[in-house]
N, C-alpha and C. Protein backbone atom coordinates (compact mmCIF):
# COMPACT_ATOMS: atom_id res chain seq x y z
N UNK A 1 -13.18 34.49 48.80
CA UNK A 1 -14.03 33.61 47.94
C UNK A 1 -13.65 32.35 48.35
N UNK A 2 -12.69 31.92 49.16
CA UNK A 2 -12.28 30.98 49.48
C UNK A 2 -12.99 30.24 50.43
N UNK A 3 -13.15 31.05 51.55
CA UNK A 3 -13.87 30.62 53.30
C UNK A 3 -15.18 30.55 52.81
N UNK A 4 -16.10 31.56 51.54
CA UNK A 4 -17.50 30.88 51.63
C UNK A 4 -18.08 29.86 50.54
N UNK A 5 -16.87 28.85 50.08
CA UNK A 5 -17.39 28.32 49.37
C UNK A 5 -17.73 26.67 50.03
N UNK A 6 -18.62 26.05 49.32
CA UNK A 6 -18.65 24.53 49.94
C UNK A 6 -17.82 23.74 49.00
N UNK A 7 -17.44 22.77 49.82
CA UNK A 7 -16.60 21.85 48.82
C UNK A 7 -17.29 20.26 48.87
N UNK A 8 -17.24 19.84 47.35
CA UNK A 8 -18.14 18.61 46.67
C UNK A 8 -19.49 18.19 47.18
N UNK A 9 -20.38 19.33 47.22
CA UNK A 9 -21.54 19.34 46.95
C UNK A 9 -22.27 18.89 45.43
N UNK A 10 -21.41 18.96 44.60
CA UNK A 10 -21.66 18.57 43.01
C UNK A 10 -20.86 17.32 42.71
N UNK A 11 -20.39 16.89 43.65
CA UNK A 11 -20.16 15.27 43.18
C UNK A 11 -20.59 14.35 43.63
N UNK A 12 -20.61 13.09 43.00
CA UNK A 12 -21.47 11.94 43.57
C UNK A 12 -20.80 11.13 44.46
N UNK A 13 -21.31 10.22 44.80
CA UNK A 13 -21.09 9.32 45.47
C UNK A 13 -20.01 8.31 44.70
N UNK A 14 -19.14 7.70 45.49
CA UNK A 14 -18.59 6.76 44.50
C UNK A 14 -19.17 5.53 44.44
N UNK A 15 -19.62 5.42 43.23
CA UNK A 15 -20.27 3.64 43.13
C UNK A 15 -19.31 2.66 44.08
N UNK A 16 -20.27 1.78 44.95
CA UNK A 16 -19.37 0.76 45.39
C UNK A 16 -18.66 -0.36 44.28
N UNK A 17 -17.69 -1.22 44.38
CA UNK A 17 -16.69 -1.62 43.89
C UNK A 17 -17.98 -3.21 43.22
N UNK A 18 -17.73 -3.61 42.04
CA UNK A 18 -18.31 -4.62 41.61
C UNK A 18 -17.29 -5.67 42.73
N UNK A 19 -18.40 -6.66 42.88
CA UNK A 19 -17.91 -8.00 43.93
C UNK A 19 -17.28 -8.59 42.89
N UNK A 20 -16.21 -9.35 43.44
CA UNK A 20 -14.93 -10.12 42.63
C UNK A 20 -15.85 -11.64 42.39
N UNK A 21 -15.88 -12.00 41.03
CA UNK A 21 -16.48 -13.27 40.70
C UNK A 21 -16.28 -14.44 41.39
N UNK A 22 -17.41 -15.34 41.45
CA UNK A 22 -17.02 -16.12 42.55
C UNK A 22 -16.19 -17.25 41.65
N UNK A 23 -16.36 -18.75 42.09
CA UNK A 23 -15.08 -19.34 41.36
C UNK A 23 -16.04 -20.14 40.36
N UNK A 24 -17.21 -20.13 40.65
CA UNK A 24 -18.28 -20.72 39.62
C UNK A 24 -18.16 -19.88 38.13
N UNK A 25 -18.76 -19.10 38.66
CA UNK A 25 -18.79 -17.83 37.59
C UNK A 25 -17.65 -17.55 36.88
N UNK A 26 -16.07 -17.50 37.47
CA UNK A 26 -14.82 -17.78 36.75
C UNK A 26 -14.82 -18.97 35.51
N UNK A 27 -15.35 -20.18 36.03
CA UNK A 27 -15.42 -21.22 35.35
C UNK A 27 -16.36 -21.47 34.22
N UNK A 28 -17.23 -20.42 34.27
CA UNK A 28 -18.19 -20.45 32.67
C UNK A 28 -18.05 -19.60 31.66
N UNK A 29 -18.21 -20.47 30.74
CA UNK A 29 -17.40 -20.15 29.43
C UNK A 29 -17.72 -18.55 29.11
N UNK A 30 -16.75 -18.10 28.26
CA UNK A 30 -17.07 -16.55 27.94
C UNK A 30 -18.38 -16.06 27.08
N UNK A 31 -18.68 -16.94 26.42
CA UNK A 31 -20.03 -16.82 26.04
C UNK A 31 -20.77 -16.20 26.77
N UNK A 32 -21.13 -16.84 27.80
CA UNK A 32 -21.78 -16.41 28.74
C UNK A 32 -21.46 -15.07 29.60
N UNK A 33 -19.92 -14.83 30.00
CA UNK A 33 -19.89 -13.66 30.95
C UNK A 33 -20.24 -12.78 30.08
N UNK A 34 -20.18 -11.55 30.65
CA UNK A 34 -20.38 -10.20 30.37
C UNK A 34 -19.60 -10.18 28.92
N UNK A 35 -19.81 -9.59 27.77
CA UNK A 35 -19.05 -9.16 26.45
C UNK A 35 -18.41 -7.77 26.72
N UNK A 36 -17.51 -7.08 26.04
CA UNK A 36 -17.08 -5.99 26.26
C UNK A 36 -18.24 -4.91 26.03
N UNK A 37 -17.72 -3.71 26.65
CA UNK A 37 -19.16 -3.05 27.20
C UNK A 37 -19.44 -2.31 25.73
N UNK A 38 -20.32 -2.07 25.46
CA UNK A 38 -20.77 -1.06 24.26
C UNK A 38 -20.24 -0.06 23.83
N UNK A 39 -19.46 0.97 24.66
CA UNK A 39 -18.34 1.67 24.36
C UNK A 39 -17.55 1.69 23.37
N UNK A 40 -17.01 0.09 23.14
CA UNK A 40 -16.31 -0.15 21.89
C UNK A 40 -16.80 -0.27 20.82
N UNK A 41 -16.28 0.31 19.38
CA UNK A 41 -17.02 0.81 18.31
C UNK A 41 -17.06 -0.89 17.67
N UNK A 42 -17.87 -1.20 16.72
CA UNK A 42 -18.27 -2.30 16.01
C UNK A 42 -16.92 -3.12 15.41
N UNK A 43 -16.94 -4.16 15.15
CA UNK A 43 -15.65 -4.54 14.09
C UNK A 43 -15.53 -4.32 12.69
N UNK A 44 -16.13 -3.12 12.41
CA UNK A 44 -16.40 -2.59 10.99
C UNK A 44 -15.34 -1.38 11.39
N UNK A 45 -15.26 -0.99 12.49
CA UNK A 45 -14.50 -0.02 12.48
C UNK A 45 -12.96 0.33 12.35
N UNK A 46 -12.36 -1.00 12.49
CA UNK A 46 -11.15 -1.04 12.07
C UNK A 46 -10.70 -0.99 10.44
N UNK A 47 -11.59 -1.41 9.78
CA UNK A 47 -11.62 -1.45 8.17
C UNK A 47 -11.48 0.14 7.75
N UNK A 48 -12.57 0.70 8.59
CA UNK A 48 -12.83 2.55 8.12
C UNK A 48 -11.70 3.22 8.32
N UNK A 49 -11.02 2.98 9.75
CA UNK A 49 -9.76 3.72 10.17
C UNK A 49 -8.51 3.33 9.35
N UNK A 50 -8.32 1.93 9.24
CA UNK A 50 -7.43 1.95 8.15
C UNK A 50 -7.55 2.29 6.56
N UNK A 51 -8.58 2.39 6.38
CA UNK A 51 -8.88 3.04 5.12
C UNK A 51 -9.07 4.77 5.06
N UNK A 52 -9.27 5.32 6.39
CA UNK A 52 -9.32 6.84 6.67
C UNK A 52 -7.94 7.27 6.78
N UNK A 53 -6.83 6.20 7.59
CA UNK A 53 -5.22 6.59 7.82
C UNK A 53 -4.70 6.52 6.53
N UNK A 54 -5.01 5.72 5.55
CA UNK A 54 -4.29 5.28 4.19
C UNK A 54 -4.62 6.54 3.56
N UNK A 55 -5.81 7.23 3.70
CA UNK A 55 -6.51 7.91 2.80
C UNK A 55 -5.77 9.80 3.41
N UNK A 56 -5.74 9.86 4.64
CA UNK A 56 -4.56 10.74 4.49
C UNK A 56 -3.74 10.67 4.75
N UNK A 57 -2.90 9.43 4.83
CA UNK A 57 -1.33 9.49 4.21
C UNK A 57 -1.16 10.02 3.11
N UNK A 58 -1.92 9.34 2.16
CA UNK A 58 -1.64 9.31 1.01
C UNK A 58 -1.75 10.96 0.17
N UNK A 59 -3.44 11.70 0.78
CA UNK A 59 -3.33 12.69 0.42
C UNK A 59 -2.38 14.07 1.05
N UNK A 60 -1.69 13.67 2.07
CA UNK A 60 -0.39 14.47 2.34
C UNK A 60 0.51 14.53 1.50
N UNK A 61 0.77 12.89 1.28
CA UNK A 61 2.05 12.49 0.54
C UNK A 61 1.93 12.78 -1.01
N UNK A 62 0.48 13.48 -1.35
CA UNK A 62 0.16 14.02 -2.79
C UNK A 62 0.54 15.33 -2.85
N UNK A 63 0.10 15.90 -1.76
CA UNK A 63 0.33 17.66 -1.55
C UNK A 63 1.88 17.99 -1.85
N UNK A 64 2.66 16.79 -0.83
CA UNK A 64 4.27 17.04 -0.87
C UNK A 64 4.95 16.52 -1.95
N UNK A 65 4.40 15.91 -3.11
CA UNK A 65 4.77 15.80 -4.48
C UNK A 65 4.67 17.00 -5.44
N UNK A 66 3.21 17.24 -5.23
CA UNK A 66 2.76 18.11 -5.94
C UNK A 66 3.94 19.58 -5.24
N UNK A 67 4.04 19.63 -4.44
CA UNK A 67 5.15 21.07 -4.10
C UNK A 67 6.17 20.61 -4.50
N UNK A 68 6.67 19.51 -4.50
CA UNK A 68 8.21 19.18 -4.79
C UNK A 68 8.03 19.58 -6.77
N UNK A 69 7.08 19.25 -7.76
CA UNK A 69 6.72 19.57 -8.30
C UNK A 69 6.91 21.27 -8.80
N UNK A 70 6.39 22.04 -8.15
CA UNK A 70 5.98 23.05 -8.00
C UNK A 70 7.25 23.81 -8.16
N UNK A 71 8.37 23.74 -7.06
CA UNK A 71 8.80 24.21 -7.07
C UNK A 71 10.11 23.33 -6.91
N UNK A 72 10.66 22.84 -8.09
CA UNK A 72 11.83 22.40 -8.71
C UNK A 72 13.06 22.95 -8.30
N UNK A 73 13.42 24.26 -8.36
CA UNK A 73 14.43 24.59 -8.27
C UNK A 73 15.06 25.10 -6.85
N UNK A 74 13.92 24.71 -5.93
CA UNK A 74 14.18 25.29 -4.32
C UNK A 74 14.74 23.95 -3.87
N UNK A 75 15.73 24.42 -2.96
CA UNK A 75 16.19 23.74 -1.95
C UNK A 75 15.55 22.50 -0.85
N UNK A 76 15.69 21.37 -1.33
CA UNK A 76 15.40 20.22 -0.69
C UNK A 76 14.19 19.66 -1.48
N UNK A 77 13.56 19.95 -2.75
CA UNK A 77 12.71 19.85 -2.99
C UNK A 77 12.41 18.69 -3.85
N UNK A 78 13.54 17.60 -3.87
CA UNK A 78 13.33 16.56 -4.33
C UNK A 78 13.23 15.76 -3.18
N UNK A 79 13.52 16.16 -1.91
CA UNK A 79 13.69 15.07 -0.80
C UNK A 79 12.23 15.01 -0.83
N UNK A 80 11.31 16.43 -0.71
CA UNK A 80 9.94 16.11 -0.47
C UNK A 80 9.13 14.69 -1.34
N UNK A 81 9.75 14.12 -2.20
CA UNK A 81 9.15 13.02 -2.87
C UNK A 81 9.49 11.77 -2.06
N UNK A 82 10.29 11.61 -1.11
CA UNK A 82 10.55 10.78 -0.17
C UNK A 82 8.96 10.61 0.92
N UNK A 83 8.56 9.83 1.03
CA UNK A 83 7.41 9.67 1.89
C UNK A 83 7.83 9.52 3.51
N UNK A 84 7.37 10.75 4.39
CA UNK A 84 7.32 10.47 5.40
C UNK A 84 8.45 11.54 6.37
N UNK A 85 9.63 11.04 5.83
CA UNK A 85 11.16 11.64 6.05
C UNK A 85 11.08 13.25 4.86
N UNK A 86 10.89 13.04 3.98
CA UNK A 86 11.08 13.81 2.80
C UNK A 86 10.93 15.06 3.35
N UNK A 87 9.69 15.63 3.73
CA UNK A 87 9.55 17.13 4.27
C UNK A 87 10.34 17.43 5.35
N UNK A 88 10.83 16.88 6.44
CA UNK A 88 11.69 16.94 7.71
C UNK A 88 13.12 17.16 6.77
N UNK A 89 13.46 16.11 5.66
CA UNK A 89 15.01 16.46 5.13
C UNK A 89 15.00 17.84 4.33
N UNK A 90 13.59 18.27 3.91
CA UNK A 90 13.40 19.54 2.98
C UNK A 90 13.31 20.43 4.18
N UNK A 91 12.94 20.63 5.26
CA UNK A 91 12.83 21.89 6.28
C UNK A 91 14.67 21.49 6.70
N UNK A 92 15.20 20.68 6.92
CA UNK A 92 16.99 20.93 7.07
C UNK A 92 17.46 21.68 6.25
N UNK A 93 17.03 21.95 4.92
CA UNK A 93 17.75 22.70 3.56
C UNK A 93 17.00 23.93 3.37
N UNK A 94 15.96 24.52 4.83
CA UNK A 94 15.58 25.51 4.24
C UNK A 94 16.26 26.98 3.96
N UNK A 95 15.66 27.62 2.84
CA UNK A 95 16.50 28.68 2.22
C UNK A 95 16.50 29.10 1.10
N UNK A 96 17.27 30.41 0.55
CA UNK A 96 17.19 30.06 -1.14
C UNK A 96 17.85 29.45 -1.75
N UNK A 97 17.66 29.44 -2.83
CA UNK A 97 18.56 28.77 -4.28
C UNK A 97 19.72 29.82 -4.24
N UNK A 98 20.89 28.99 -4.62
CA UNK A 98 22.08 29.85 -5.08
C UNK A 98 21.60 30.16 -6.19
N UNK A 99 22.17 31.55 -6.24
CA UNK A 99 21.82 32.23 -7.59
C UNK A 99 20.17 32.96 -7.73
N UNK A 100 19.17 33.07 -6.89
CA UNK A 100 18.10 32.96 -7.26
C UNK A 100 17.83 34.66 -6.60
N UNK A 101 17.57 35.68 -7.25
CA UNK A 101 17.71 37.15 -6.91
C UNK A 101 16.25 37.44 -5.89
N UNK A 102 15.04 36.81 -6.69
CA UNK A 102 13.75 36.99 -6.18
C UNK A 102 13.25 36.41 -4.90
N UNK A 103 14.30 35.38 -4.63
CA UNK A 103 13.51 34.66 -3.27
C UNK A 103 13.82 35.90 -2.03
N UNK A 104 12.65 35.45 -1.23
CA UNK A 104 12.69 36.49 -0.08
C UNK A 104 12.11 35.40 1.03
N UNK A 105 12.56 35.86 2.34
CA UNK A 105 12.81 35.57 3.34
C UNK A 105 10.73 35.06 3.65
N UNK A 106 10.00 35.70 3.22
CA UNK A 106 8.71 35.18 3.58
C UNK A 106 7.99 33.96 3.16
N UNK A 107 8.66 33.85 1.63
CA UNK A 107 8.50 32.77 1.08
C UNK A 107 9.13 31.41 1.61
N UNK A 108 10.32 31.61 1.95
CA UNK A 108 11.30 30.76 2.69
C UNK A 108 10.58 30.66 4.22
N UNK A 109 10.08 31.05 5.07
CA UNK A 109 9.20 30.69 5.99
C UNK A 109 7.96 30.19 5.43
N UNK A 110 7.30 30.37 4.63
CA UNK A 110 5.81 30.14 4.14
C UNK A 110 6.35 28.31 3.49
N UNK A 111 7.14 28.35 3.32
CA UNK A 111 7.74 26.96 2.43
C UNK A 111 7.98 25.96 3.80
N UNK A 112 9.05 26.46 4.81
CA UNK A 112 9.12 25.53 6.16
C UNK A 112 7.85 25.37 6.32
N UNK A 113 6.91 26.17 6.59
CA UNK A 113 5.74 25.82 7.50
C UNK A 113 4.85 24.79 6.47
N UNK A 114 5.02 24.86 5.45
CA UNK A 114 4.24 24.15 4.62
C UNK A 114 4.80 22.62 4.40
N UNK A 115 6.32 22.33 4.72
CA UNK A 115 6.98 21.26 4.72
C UNK A 115 6.59 20.52 6.11
N UNK A 116 6.44 21.52 7.43
CA UNK A 116 6.01 21.00 8.76
C UNK A 116 4.52 20.01 8.54
N UNK A 117 3.54 21.24 8.07
CA UNK A 117 2.27 20.44 7.70
C UNK A 117 2.74 19.41 6.88
N UNK A 118 3.32 19.20 6.13
CA UNK A 118 3.01 17.95 5.07
C UNK A 118 3.57 16.57 5.79
N UNK A 119 4.44 16.76 6.86
CA UNK A 119 5.00 15.90 7.16
C UNK A 119 4.35 15.71 8.29
N UNK A 120 4.00 16.34 9.32
CA UNK A 120 3.06 16.33 10.25
C UNK A 120 1.54 15.40 9.70
N UNK A 121 1.15 15.77 8.39
CA UNK A 121 -0.51 15.02 7.76
C UNK A 121 0.54 13.50 7.30
N UNK A 122 1.71 13.35 6.92
CA UNK A 122 1.82 11.90 6.36
C UNK A 122 2.33 11.26 7.74
N UNK A 123 2.78 11.86 9.18
CA UNK A 123 2.78 10.88 10.01
C UNK A 123 1.84 10.36 10.96
N UNK A 124 0.54 11.38 10.96
CA UNK A 124 -1.06 11.47 11.53
C UNK A 124 -1.46 10.51 10.93
N UNK A 125 -0.88 10.34 9.22
CA UNK A 125 -2.13 9.29 8.43
C UNK A 125 -1.59 8.09 8.56
N UNK A 126 -0.07 7.91 8.92
CA UNK A 126 0.51 6.24 9.30
C UNK A 126 0.12 6.12 10.91
N UNK A 127 -0.08 6.76 11.61
CA UNK A 127 -0.79 6.89 13.45
C UNK A 127 -1.57 6.17 13.22
N UNK A 128 -2.98 6.74 12.29
CA UNK A 128 -4.32 6.44 12.35
C UNK A 128 -4.29 4.80 11.80
N UNK A 129 -3.53 4.53 10.76
CA UNK A 129 -3.46 3.23 9.93
C UNK A 129 -2.75 2.22 10.97
N UNK A 130 -1.90 2.99 11.70
CA UNK A 130 -1.55 1.92 13.07
C UNK A 130 -2.63 1.72 13.86
N UNK A 131 -2.93 2.58 14.35
CA UNK A 131 -3.60 2.77 15.45
C UNK A 131 -5.34 1.62 15.02
N UNK A 132 -5.39 1.48 13.72
CA UNK A 132 -6.58 0.55 13.49
C UNK A 132 -6.19 -1.23 13.33
N UNK A 133 -5.12 -1.44 13.69
CA UNK A 133 -4.45 -2.82 13.85
C UNK A 133 -4.53 -3.43 16.05
N UNK A 134 -4.36 -2.07 16.45
CA UNK A 134 -4.73 -2.58 17.81
C UNK A 134 -6.19 -1.81 18.14
N UNK A 135 -6.74 -1.49 17.64
CA UNK A 135 -7.96 -0.99 17.74
C UNK A 135 -9.37 -2.21 18.38
N UNK A 136 -9.33 -1.88 20.27
CA UNK A 136 -10.32 -2.99 20.33
C UNK A 136 -11.69 -2.60 20.00
N UNK A 137 -12.34 -3.85 19.74
CA UNK A 137 -13.97 -3.25 19.05
C UNK A 137 -14.66 -4.70 20.10
N UNK A 138 -15.68 -4.57 20.04
CA UNK A 138 -16.79 -5.51 20.42
C UNK A 138 -17.06 -6.41 19.81
N UNK A 139 -17.50 -7.83 19.87
CA UNK A 139 -17.81 -8.95 19.33
C UNK A 139 -19.23 -8.44 19.02
N UNK A 140 -19.66 -9.04 17.16
CA UNK A 140 -20.70 -8.75 16.75
C UNK A 140 -21.85 -9.54 17.27
N UNK A 141 -23.10 -8.93 17.60
CA UNK A 141 -24.27 -9.70 18.02
C UNK A 141 -24.37 -11.06 17.12
N UNK A 142 -24.96 -12.10 17.81
CA UNK A 142 -25.55 -13.31 17.39
C UNK A 142 -26.35 -13.23 16.44
N UNK A 143 -27.54 -12.06 16.46
CA UNK A 143 -28.00 -11.60 15.16
C UNK A 143 -27.81 -11.52 13.93
N UNK A 144 -26.18 -10.66 14.03
CA UNK A 144 -25.72 -10.27 12.92
C UNK A 144 -24.82 -11.13 12.64
N UNK A 145 -24.72 -12.67 12.89
CA UNK A 145 -23.92 -13.44 12.48
C UNK A 145 -24.95 -14.07 11.53
N UNK A 146 -26.35 -14.19 11.77
CA UNK A 146 -27.00 -14.74 10.46
C UNK A 146 -26.51 -13.72 9.21
N UNK A 147 -26.42 -14.15 8.19
CA UNK A 147 -26.23 -13.22 6.97
C UNK A 147 -26.89 -13.90 5.80
N UNK A 148 -27.01 -15.31 5.60
CA UNK A 148 -27.81 -15.88 4.69
C UNK A 148 -29.58 -15.91 4.85
N UNK A 149 -30.50 -15.41 3.78
CA UNK A 149 -31.39 -15.24 3.40
C UNK A 149 -31.82 -16.72 3.91
N UNK A 150 -33.12 -16.91 4.45
CA UNK A 150 -33.79 -17.89 4.56
C UNK A 150 -35.07 -17.91 4.96
N UNK A 151 -35.59 -18.55 4.41
CA UNK A 151 -37.45 -18.93 4.32
C UNK A 151 -37.66 -19.82 5.14
N UNK A 152 -38.66 -19.93 5.95
CA UNK A 152 -39.28 -21.38 6.70
C UNK A 152 -40.48 -21.33 6.41
N UNK A 153 -41.63 -22.75 6.57
CA UNK A 153 -42.98 -22.07 6.80
C UNK A 153 -43.34 -21.91 8.46
N UNK A 154 -44.56 -21.64 8.44
CA UNK A 154 -45.09 -21.58 9.84
C UNK A 154 -46.44 -21.51 9.75
N UNK A 155 -46.84 -22.51 10.51
CA UNK A 155 -48.45 -22.33 11.09
C UNK A 155 -48.64 -21.31 11.80
N UNK A 156 -50.47 -20.76 11.42
CA UNK A 156 -51.01 -19.69 12.11
C UNK A 156 -52.58 -20.05 12.27
N UNK A 157 -52.99 -19.19 12.89
CA UNK A 157 -54.02 -19.13 13.80
C UNK A 157 -54.95 -17.81 12.95
N UNK A 158 -55.90 -17.74 12.58
CA UNK A 158 -56.32 -16.06 12.26
C UNK A 158 -57.87 -16.61 12.21
N UNK A 159 -58.88 -15.91 13.78
CA UNK A 159 -59.92 -16.18 13.96
C UNK A 159 -60.22 -17.53 14.07
N UNK A 160 -61.22 -18.19 13.41
CA UNK A 160 -61.19 -19.67 13.44
C UNK A 160 -60.83 -20.79 12.05
N UNK A 161 -59.60 -19.92 11.53
CA UNK A 161 -59.02 -20.35 10.24
C UNK A 161 -57.85 -21.08 10.59
N UNK A 162 -57.27 -21.87 10.08
CA UNK A 162 -55.67 -22.20 10.45
C UNK A 162 -55.51 -22.09 8.86
N UNK A 163 -54.16 -21.84 8.81
CA UNK A 163 -53.32 -21.41 7.59
C UNK A 163 -51.83 -21.87 7.60
N UNK A 164 -51.28 -21.56 6.45
CA UNK A 164 -49.64 -21.92 6.84
C UNK A 164 -49.02 -20.35 6.18
N UNK A 165 -48.09 -19.85 6.77
CA UNK A 165 -47.39 -18.81 6.08
C UNK A 165 -46.04 -18.96 5.93
N UNK A 166 -45.24 -18.06 5.16
CA UNK A 166 -43.67 -17.94 5.45
C UNK A 166 -43.12 -16.96 6.14
N UNK A 167 -41.68 -17.08 6.79
CA UNK A 167 -41.64 -16.47 7.60
C UNK A 167 -39.84 -16.78 7.33
N UNK A 168 -39.38 -15.23 7.41
CA UNK A 168 -37.94 -15.56 6.39
C UNK A 168 -37.06 -14.25 7.04
N UNK A 169 -35.67 -14.36 6.87
CA UNK A 169 -34.44 -13.27 7.25
C UNK A 169 -33.97 -13.09 5.93
N UNK A 170 -34.15 -11.76 5.62
CA UNK A 170 -33.33 -11.26 4.73
C UNK A 170 -32.10 -10.28 5.10
């Protein structure tokens, strides 16, 4: 199989490297130089990402809080009420409480798995929230900067008539 295969037929040739900017181009103002590529999200993505990260963190923290209330007598249940570190502290105390004859190993394992999921969910929410602080975004377009409505008179010609119309941004 190796002897009959051809190499690199499906690969494209490498694109030539972009030439270095000349001294004149380097002195041009930033507005005339090339803006960030369109792959970057719009500036509103930071807010959306921060809200999403907060919602994920608060959702998993709520799950951990409810879990601590449902199993108030379980070892480490009170630790679940601490954000981020609580599930990991409860995991370190996994086991059966003293004097509980109905405790089974299956439920101890399920509780430990739930603690790990709660901890990862809270940490993930904080990671998304933190990423919103450092997310590179593209500059808003100049047209998007005009946010005020405006109306202006405009002359127009229709056939052999002249008129005055209104043009505006809304």
